[in-house]
Amino acid sequence: MFALLLAVEAESVRNRTTVPPDQCEAWIAGVAKGDAAAFDALYRATDRTVYAYALSLTRNREDAQDVMMETYLSIRTGAHLYRPQGKPLAWIFTIARNHVRMRARTAGRETPLGDALLAREEPAAADGGEDALVLREALHILSEEERQVVLLHAVSGLRHRETAAALGLPLATVLSKYSRALRKLKNHLERLGEGD
């Protein structure tokens, strides 16, 4: 099962594409002017990252997809409000987090975000099986920040430095959380293996 984590990591390395923040900011400026090509480019460059972030918050694939779409609608209508500061992903993540909170409030869940979403179950893979179990467990045993760091790095392919900038955390904190999360997952998987 730990091989699954290594495979996810290897796949993320192959899929890594770095988009400079100034390029994202240029696309956001284009979106603010109604440029459909700029919106399409921004979406294509950030959709995996935004989805991974939304999934780390909602722990539910369908909710994450909904939050992602709501986030891009908000970007399209509110791009004129963005003030370039070199952290466009942080701005996008703030929009996504606000949509998650609004969904929680609308659903009548007034408990803190992490507690409210803790009980949600994520059908992680369409085909089910052992991989789905491992991914579902990963979403439940990690803290919210650990999930964010792991999913942004392993699923969307952000480098640790980019993850740190997007989440507004020091690089050392991101590296520590990533390492701690992988240890938790490894220990959990080893315990599952012992139970066989």
C-alpha atoms as a PDB file:
ATOM      1  CA  MET A   1       0.000   0.000   0.000  1.00  0.00           C
ATOM      2  CA  PHE A   2       2.871   2.386   0.697  1.00  0.00           C
ATOM      3  CA  ALA A   3       3.823   1.826  -2.932  1.00  0.00           C
ATOM      4  CA  LEU A   4       0.668   3.772  -3.814  1.00  0.00           C
ATOM      5  CA  LEU A   5       2.029   6.835  -2.029  1.00  0.00           C
ATOM      6  CA  LEU A   6       5.337   6.504  -3.850  1.00  0.00           C
ATOM      7  CA  ALA A   7       3.500   6.169  -7.159  1.00  0.00           C
ATOM      8  CA  VAL A   8       1.469   9.303  -6.437  1.00  0.00           C
ATOM      9  CA  GLU A   9       4.676  11.175  -5.610  1.00  0.00           C
ATOM     10  CA  ALA A  10       6.399   9.954  -8.794  1.00  0.00           C
ATOM     11  CA  GLU A  11       3.382  10.931 -10.899  1.00  0.00           C
ATOM     12  CA  SER A  12       3.320  14.403  -9.345  1.00  0.00           C
ATOM     13  CA  VAL A  13       6.976  14.914 -10.261  1.00  0.00           C
ATOM     14  CA  ARG A  14       6.214  14.009 -13.878  1.00  0.00           C
ATOM     15  CA  ASN A  15       3.217  16.356 -13.980  1.00  0.00           C
ATOM     16  CA  ARG A  16       4.880  19.382 -12.394  1.00  0.00           C
ATOM     17  CA  THR A  17       4.536  22.553 -14.338  1.00  0.00           C
ATOM     18  CA  THR A  18       5.494  25.772 -12.700  1.00  0.00           C
ATOM     19  CA  VAL A  19       3.519  28.840 -13.637  1.00  0.00           C
ATOM     20  CA  PRO A  20       5.226  32.013 -12.484  1.00  0.00           C
ATOM     21  CA  PRO A  21       3.052  34.210 -10.243  1.00  0.00           C
ATOM     22  CA  ASP A  22       3.459  37.150 -12.622  1.00  0.00           C
ATOM     23  CA  GLN A  23       1.959  35.047 -15.426  1.00  0.00           C
ATOM     24  CA  CYS A  24      -1.036  34.157 -13.230  1.00  0.00           C
ATOM     25  CA  GLU A  25      -1.413  37.822 -12.339  1.00  0.00           C
ATOM     26  CA  ALA A  26      -1.360  38.742 -16.037  1.00  0.00           C
ATOM     27  CA  TRP A  27      -4.105  36.205 -16.702  1.00  0.00           C
ATOM     28  CA  ILE A  28      -6.173  37.556 -13.792  1.00  0.00           C
ATOM     29  CA  ALA A  29      -5.755  41.075 -15.235  1.00  0.00           C
ATOM     30  CA  GLY A  30      -6.940  39.719 -18.588  1.00  0.00           C
ATOM     31  CA  VAL A  31      -9.940  38.071 -16.937  1.00  0.00           C
ATOM     32  CA  ALA A  32     -10.777  41.409 -15.318  1.00  0.00           C
ATOM     33  CA  LYS A  33     -10.892  42.909 -18.832  1.00  0.00           C
ATOM     34  CA  GLY A  34     -13.186  40.128 -20.065  1.00  0.00           C
ATOM     35  CA  ASP A  35     -10.514  38.199 -21.984  1.00  0.00           C
ATOM     36  CA  ALA A  36     -11.877  34.654 -22.371  1.00  0.00           C
ATOM     37  CA  ALA A  37      -8.473  33.321 -23.493  1.00  0.00           C
ATOM     38  CA  ALA A  38      -6.873  34.626 -20.278  1.00  0.00           C
ATOM     39  CA  PHE A  39      -9.567  32.901 -18.206  1.00  0.00           C
ATOM     40  CA  ASP A  40      -9.034  29.655 -20.117  1.00  0.00           C
ATOM     41  CA  ALA A  41      -5.253  29.856 -19.614  1.00  0.00           C
ATOM     42  CA  LEU A  42      -5.640  30.597 -15.894  1.00  0.00           C
ATOM     43  CA  TYR A  43      -8.073  27.716 -15.506  1.00  0.00           C
ATOM     44  CA  ARG A  44      -5.851  25.235 -17.345  1.00  0.00           C
ATOM     45  CA  ALA A  45      -2.795  26.267 -15.337  1.00  0.00           C
ATOM     46  CA  THR A  46      -4.450  26.123 -11.911  1.00  0.00           C
ATOM     47  CA  ASP A  47      -7.399  23.711 -12.050  1.00  0.00           C
ATOM     48  CA  ARG A  48      -5.554  20.716 -10.541  1.00  0.00           C
ATOM     49  CA  THR A  49      -4.144  22.881  -7.788  1.00  0.00           C
ATOM     50  CA  VAL A  50      -7.486  24.461  -6.933  1.00  0.00           C
ATOM     51  CA  TYR A  51      -9.182  21.053  -6.998  1.00  0.00           C
ATOM     52  CA  ALA A  52      -6.534  19.555  -4.694  1.00  0.00           C
ATOM     53  CA  TYR A  53      -6.939  22.463  -2.289  1.00  0.00           C
ATOM     54  CA  ALA A  54     -10.745  22.198  -2.336  1.00  0.00           C
ATOM     55  CA  LEU A  55     -10.491  18.438  -1.781  1.00  0.00           C
ATOM     56  CA  SER A  56      -8.188  19.006   1.182  1.00  0.00           C
ATOM     57  CA  LEU A  57     -10.895  21.179   2.742  1.00  0.00           C
ATOM     58  CA  THR A  58     -14.037  19.254   1.829  1.00  0.00           C
ATOM     59  CA  ARG A  59     -12.734  15.656   1.767  1.00  0.00           C
ATOM     60  CA  ASN A  60     -15.439  14.942  -0.767  1.00  0.00           C
ATOM     61  CA  ARG A  61     -14.819  14.718  -4.498  1.00  0.00           C
ATOM     62  CA  GLU A  62     -18.184  16.110  -5.582  1.00  0.00           C
ATOM     63  CA  ASP A  63     -18.058  18.991  -3.097  1.00  0.00           C
ATOM     64  CA  ALA A  64     -14.491  19.768  -4.175  1.00  0.00           C
ATOM     65  CA  GLN A  65     -15.598  19.938  -7.804  1.00  0.00           C
ATOM     66  CA  ASP A  66     -18.476  22.235  -6.873  1.00  0.00           C
ATOM     67  CA  VAL A  67     -16.189  24.489  -4.820  1.00  0.00           C
ATOM     68  CA  MET A  68     -13.702  24.578  -7.678  1.00  0.00           C
ATOM     69  CA  MET A  69     -16.375  25.687 -10.161  1.00  0.00           C
ATOM     70  CA  GLU A  70     -17.747  28.276  -7.719  1.00  0.00           C
ATOM     71  CA  THR A  71     -14.208  29.555  -7.215  1.00  0.00           C
ATOM     72  CA  TYR A  72     -13.657  30.054 -10.940  1.00  0.00           C
ATOM     73  CA  LEU A  73     -17.026  31.770 -11.289  1.00  0.00           C
ATOM     74  CA  SER A  74     -15.980  34.139  -8.499  1.00  0.00           C
ATOM     75  CA  ILE A  75     -12.654  34.746 -10.208  1.00  0.00           C
ATOM     76  CA  ARG A  76     -14.426  35.535 -13.457  1.00  0.00           C
ATOM     77  CA  THR A  77     -16.764  38.032 -11.812  1.00  0.00           C
ATOM     78  CA  GLY A  78     -14.314  39.430  -9.244  1.00  0.00           C
ATOM     79  CA  ALA A  79     -10.964  39.507 -11.051  1.00  0.00           C
ATOM     80  CA  HIS A  80     -11.116  43.306 -11.100  1.00  0.00           C
ATOM     81  CA  LEU A  81     -10.792  43.219  -7.280  1.00  0.00           C
ATOM     82  CA  TYR A  82      -7.427  41.415  -7.330  1.00  0.00           C
ATOM     83  CA  ARG A  83      -4.465  43.572  -6.321  1.00  0.00           C
ATOM     84  CA  PRO A  84      -1.147  42.160  -7.582  1.00  0.00           C
ATOM     85  CA  GLN A  85       1.046  41.182  -4.647  1.00  0.00           C
ATOM     86  CA  GLY A  86       2.935  38.257  -6.154  1.00  0.00           C
ATOM     87  CA  LYS A  87       0.655  35.612  -4.590  1.00  0.00           C
ATOM     88  CA  PRO A  88      -2.215  34.921  -6.975  1.00  0.00           C
ATOM     89  CA  LEU A  89      -2.718  31.358  -5.699  1.00  0.00           C
ATOM     90  CA  ALA A  90      -3.167  32.648  -2.162  1.00  0.00           C
ATOM     91  CA  TRP A  91      -5.948  34.919  -3.460  1.00  0.00           C
ATOM     92  CA  ILE A  92      -7.559  32.011  -5.334  1.00  0.00           C
ATOM     93  CA  PHE A  93      -7.277  29.766  -2.249  1.00  0.00           C
ATOM     94  CA  THR A  94      -8.972  32.440  -0.138  1.00  0.00           C
ATOM     95  CA  ILE A  95     -11.884  32.447  -2.571  1.00  0.00           C
ATOM     96  CA  ALA A  96     -12.091  28.643  -2.453  1.00  0.00           C
ATOM     97  CA  ARG A  97     -11.939  28.572   1.359  1.00  0.00           C
ATOM     98  CA  ASN A  98     -14.716  31.167   1.538  1.00  0.00           C
ATOM     99  CA  HIS A  99     -16.894  29.020  -0.736  1.00  0.00           C
ATOM    100  CA  VAL A 100     -16.302  26.003   1.506  1.00  0.00           C
ATOM    101  CA  ARG A 101     -17.328  28.059   4.531  1.00  0.00           C
ATOM    102  CA  MET A 102     -20.426  29.399   2.776  1.00  0.00           C
ATOM    103  CA  ARG A 103     -21.433  25.850   1.813  1.00  0.00           C
ATOM    104  CA  ALA A 104     -20.971  24.733   5.429  1.00  0.00           C
ATOM    105  CA  ARG A 105     -23.096  27.628   6.707  1.00  0.00           C
ATOM    106  CA  THR A 106     -25.774  27.042   4.106  1.00  0.00           C
ATOM    107  CA  ALA A 107     -25.932  23.387   5.085  1.00  0.00           C
ATOM    108  CA  GLY A 108     -26.534  24.464   8.689  1.00  0.00           C
ATOM    109  CA  ARG A 109     -23.174  23.325   9.968  1.00  0.00           C
ATOM    110  CA  GLU A 110     -22.041  26.084  12.269  1.00  0.00           C
ATOM    111  CA  THR A 111     -19.249  24.026  13.857  1.00  0.00           C
ATOM    112  CA  PRO A 112     -15.655  24.901  12.995  1.00  0.00           C
ATOM    113  CA  LEU A 113     -14.764  24.010   9.428  1.00  0.00           C
ATOM    114  CA  GLY A 114     -12.446  21.126  10.287  1.00  0.00           C
ATOM    115  CA  ASP A 115     -14.926  19.541  12.705  1.00  0.00           C
ATOM    116  CA  ALA A 116     -17.837  19.997  10.343  1.00  0.00           C
ATOM    117  CA  LEU A 117     -16.073  18.216   7.522  1.00  0.00           C
ATOM    118  CA  LEU A 118     -14.425  15.499   9.609  1.00  0.00           C
ATOM    119  CA  ALA A 119     -17.316  13.089   9.310  1.00  0.00           C
ATOM    120  CA  ARG A 120     -17.654  13.431   5.526  1.00  0.00           C
ATOM    121  CA  GLU A 121     -16.618  10.369   3.577  1.00  0.00           C
ATOM    122  CA  GLU A 122     -14.660  10.679   0.360  1.00  0.00           C
ATOM    123  CA  PRO A 123     -15.152   8.054  -2.314  1.00  0.00           C
ATOM    124  CA  ALA A 124     -11.581   8.627  -3.449  1.00  0.00           C
ATOM    125  CA  ALA A 125     -11.493   6.562  -6.592  1.00  0.00           C
ATOM    126  CA  ALA A 126     -14.279   5.645  -8.937  1.00  0.00           C
ATOM    127  CA  ASP A 127     -13.211   2.033  -9.142  1.00  0.00           C
ATOM    128  CA  GLY A 128     -13.029   1.526  -5.375  1.00  0.00           C
ATOM    129  CA  GLY A 129     -10.627  -1.108  -4.155  1.00  0.00           C
ATOM    130  CA  GLU A 130      -7.519  -0.859  -2.029  1.00  0.00           C
ATOM    131  CA  ASP A 131      -6.282   2.386  -3.622  1.00  0.00           C
ATOM    132  CA  ALA A 132      -9.582   4.086  -2.800  1.00  0.00           C
ATOM    133  CA  LEU A 133      -9.325   2.907   0.810  1.00  0.00           C
ATOM    134  CA  VAL A 134      -5.783   4.235   1.156  1.00  0.00           C
ATOM    135  CA  LEU A 135      -6.674   7.621  -0.309  1.00  0.00           C
ATOM    136  CA  ARG A 136      -9.811   7.869   1.812  1.00  0.00           C
ATOM    137  CA  GLU A 137      -7.800   7.022   4.932  1.00  0.00           C
ATOM    138  CA  ALA A 138      -5.218   9.622   3.995  1.00  0.00           C
ATOM    139  CA  LEU A 139      -7.885  12.289   3.928  1.00  0.00           C
ATOM    140  CA  HIS A 140      -9.123  11.294   7.379  1.00  0.00           C
ATOM    141  CA  ILE A 141      -5.947  10.717   9.390  1.00  0.00           C
ATOM    142  CA  LEU A 142      -4.144  13.912   8.386  1.00  0.00           C
ATOM    143  CA  SER A 143      -4.778  17.336   9.860  1.00  0.00           C
ATOM    144  CA  GLU A 144      -6.239  19.975   7.545  1.00  0.00           C
ATOM    145  CA  GLU A 145      -2.864  21.638   6.918  1.00  0.00           C
ATOM    146  CA  GLU A 146      -1.172  18.278   6.359  1.00  0.00           C
ATOM    147  CA  ARG A 147      -3.876  17.344   3.819  1.00  0.00           C
ATOM    148  CA  GLN A 148      -3.406  20.657   2.063  1.00  0.00           C
ATOM    149  CA  VAL A 149       0.358  20.263   1.854  1.00  0.00           C
ATOM    150  CA  VAL A 150       0.214  16.642   0.677  1.00  0.00           C
ATOM    151  CA  LEU A 151      -2.552  17.159  -1.875  1.00  0.00           C
ATOM    152  CA  LEU A 152      -1.079  20.361  -3.273  1.00  0.00           C
ATOM    153  CA  HIS A 153       2.301  18.698  -3.654  1.00  0.00           C
ATOM    154  CA  ALA A 154       1.374  15.144  -4.628  1.00  0.00           C
ATOM    155  CA  VAL A 155      -1.851  15.700  -6.568  1.00  0.00           C
ATOM    156  CA  SER A 156      -1.470  19.109  -8.188  1.00  0.00           C
ATOM    157  CA  GLY A 157       2.300  18.941  -8.513  1.00  0.00           C
ATOM    158  CA  LEU A 158       3.209  22.171  -6.752  1.00  0.00           C
ATOM    159  CA  ARG A 159       6.765  22.309  -5.468  1.00  0.00           C
ATOM    160  CA  HIS A 160       7.111  22.733  -1.710  1.00  0.00           C
ATOM    161  CA  ARG A 161       8.217  26.356  -2.159  1.00  0.00           C
ATOM    162  CA  GLU A 162       5.115  27.061  -4.276  1.00  0.00           C
ATOM    163  CA  THR A 163       2.892  25.335  -1.730  1.00  0.00           C
ATOM    164  CA  ALA A 164       4.411  27.474   1.027  1.00  0.00           C
ATOM    165  CA  ALA A 165       3.781  30.669  -0.935  1.00  0.00           C
ATOM    166  CA  ALA A 166       0.215  29.670  -1.826  1.00  0.00           C
ATOM    167  CA  LEU A 167      -0.684  28.763   1.758  1.00  0.00           C
ATOM    168  CA  GLY A 168       1.227  31.667   3.309  1.00  0.00           C
ATOM    169  CA  LEU A 169       3.401  29.323   5.368  1.00  0.00           C
ATOM    170  CA  PRO A 170       7.171  29.256   5.817  1.00  0.00           C
ATOM    171  CA  LEU A 171       8.924  26.701   3.611  1.00  0.00           C
ATOM    172  CA  ALA A 172      10.309  24.910   6.666  1.00  0.00           C
ATOM    173  CA  THR A 173       6.768  24.467   8.010  1.00  0.00           C
ATOM    174  CA  VAL A 174       5.562  23.003   4.713  1.00  0.00           C
ATOM    175  CA  LEU A 175       8.515  20.603   4.575  1.00  0.00           C
ATOM    176  CA  SER A 176       7.918  19.568   8.169  1.00  0.00           C
ATOM    177  CA  LYS A 177       4.184  19.034   7.651  1.00  0.00           C
ATOM    178  CA  TYR A 178       4.804  17.056   4.469  1.00  0.00           C
ATOM    179  CA  SER A 179       7.349  14.820   6.173  1.00  0.00           C
ATOM    180  CA  ARG A 180       5.112  14.345   9.232  1.00  0.00           C
ATOM    181  CA  ALA A 181       2.118  13.543   7.020  1.00  0.00           C
ATOM    182  CA  LEU A 182       4.047  10.906   5.082  1.00  0.00           C
ATOM    183  CA  ARG A 183       5.217   9.322   8.355  1.00  0.00           C
ATOM    184  CA  LYS A 184       1.600   9.246   9.597  1.00  0.00           C
ATOM    185  CA  LEU A 185       0.450   7.639   6.383  1.00  0.00           C
ATOM    186  CA  LYS A 186       3.281   5.110   6.402  1.00  0.00           C
ATOM    187  CA  ASN A 187       2.603   4.168  10.043  1.00  0.00           C
ATOM    188  CA  HIS A 188      -1.115   3.889   9.347  1.00  0.00           C
ATOM    189  CA  LEU A 189      -0.525   1.693   6.312  1.00  0.00           C
ATOM    190  CA  GLU A 190       1.875  -0.504   8.261  1.00  0.00           C
ATOM    191  CA  ARG A 191      -0.761  -0.955  10.990  1.00  0.00           C
ATOM    192  CA  LEU A 192      -3.311  -1.889   8.312  1.00  0.00           C
ATOM    193  CA  GLY A 193      -0.828  -4.394   6.874  1.00  0.00           C
ATOM    194  CA  GLU A 194      -0.296  -5.986  10.277  1.00  0.00           C
ATOM    195  CA  GLY A 195      -4.023  -6.542  10.613  1.00  0.00           C
ATOM    196  CA  ASP A 196      -4.103  -8.719   7.465  1.00  0.00           C
END
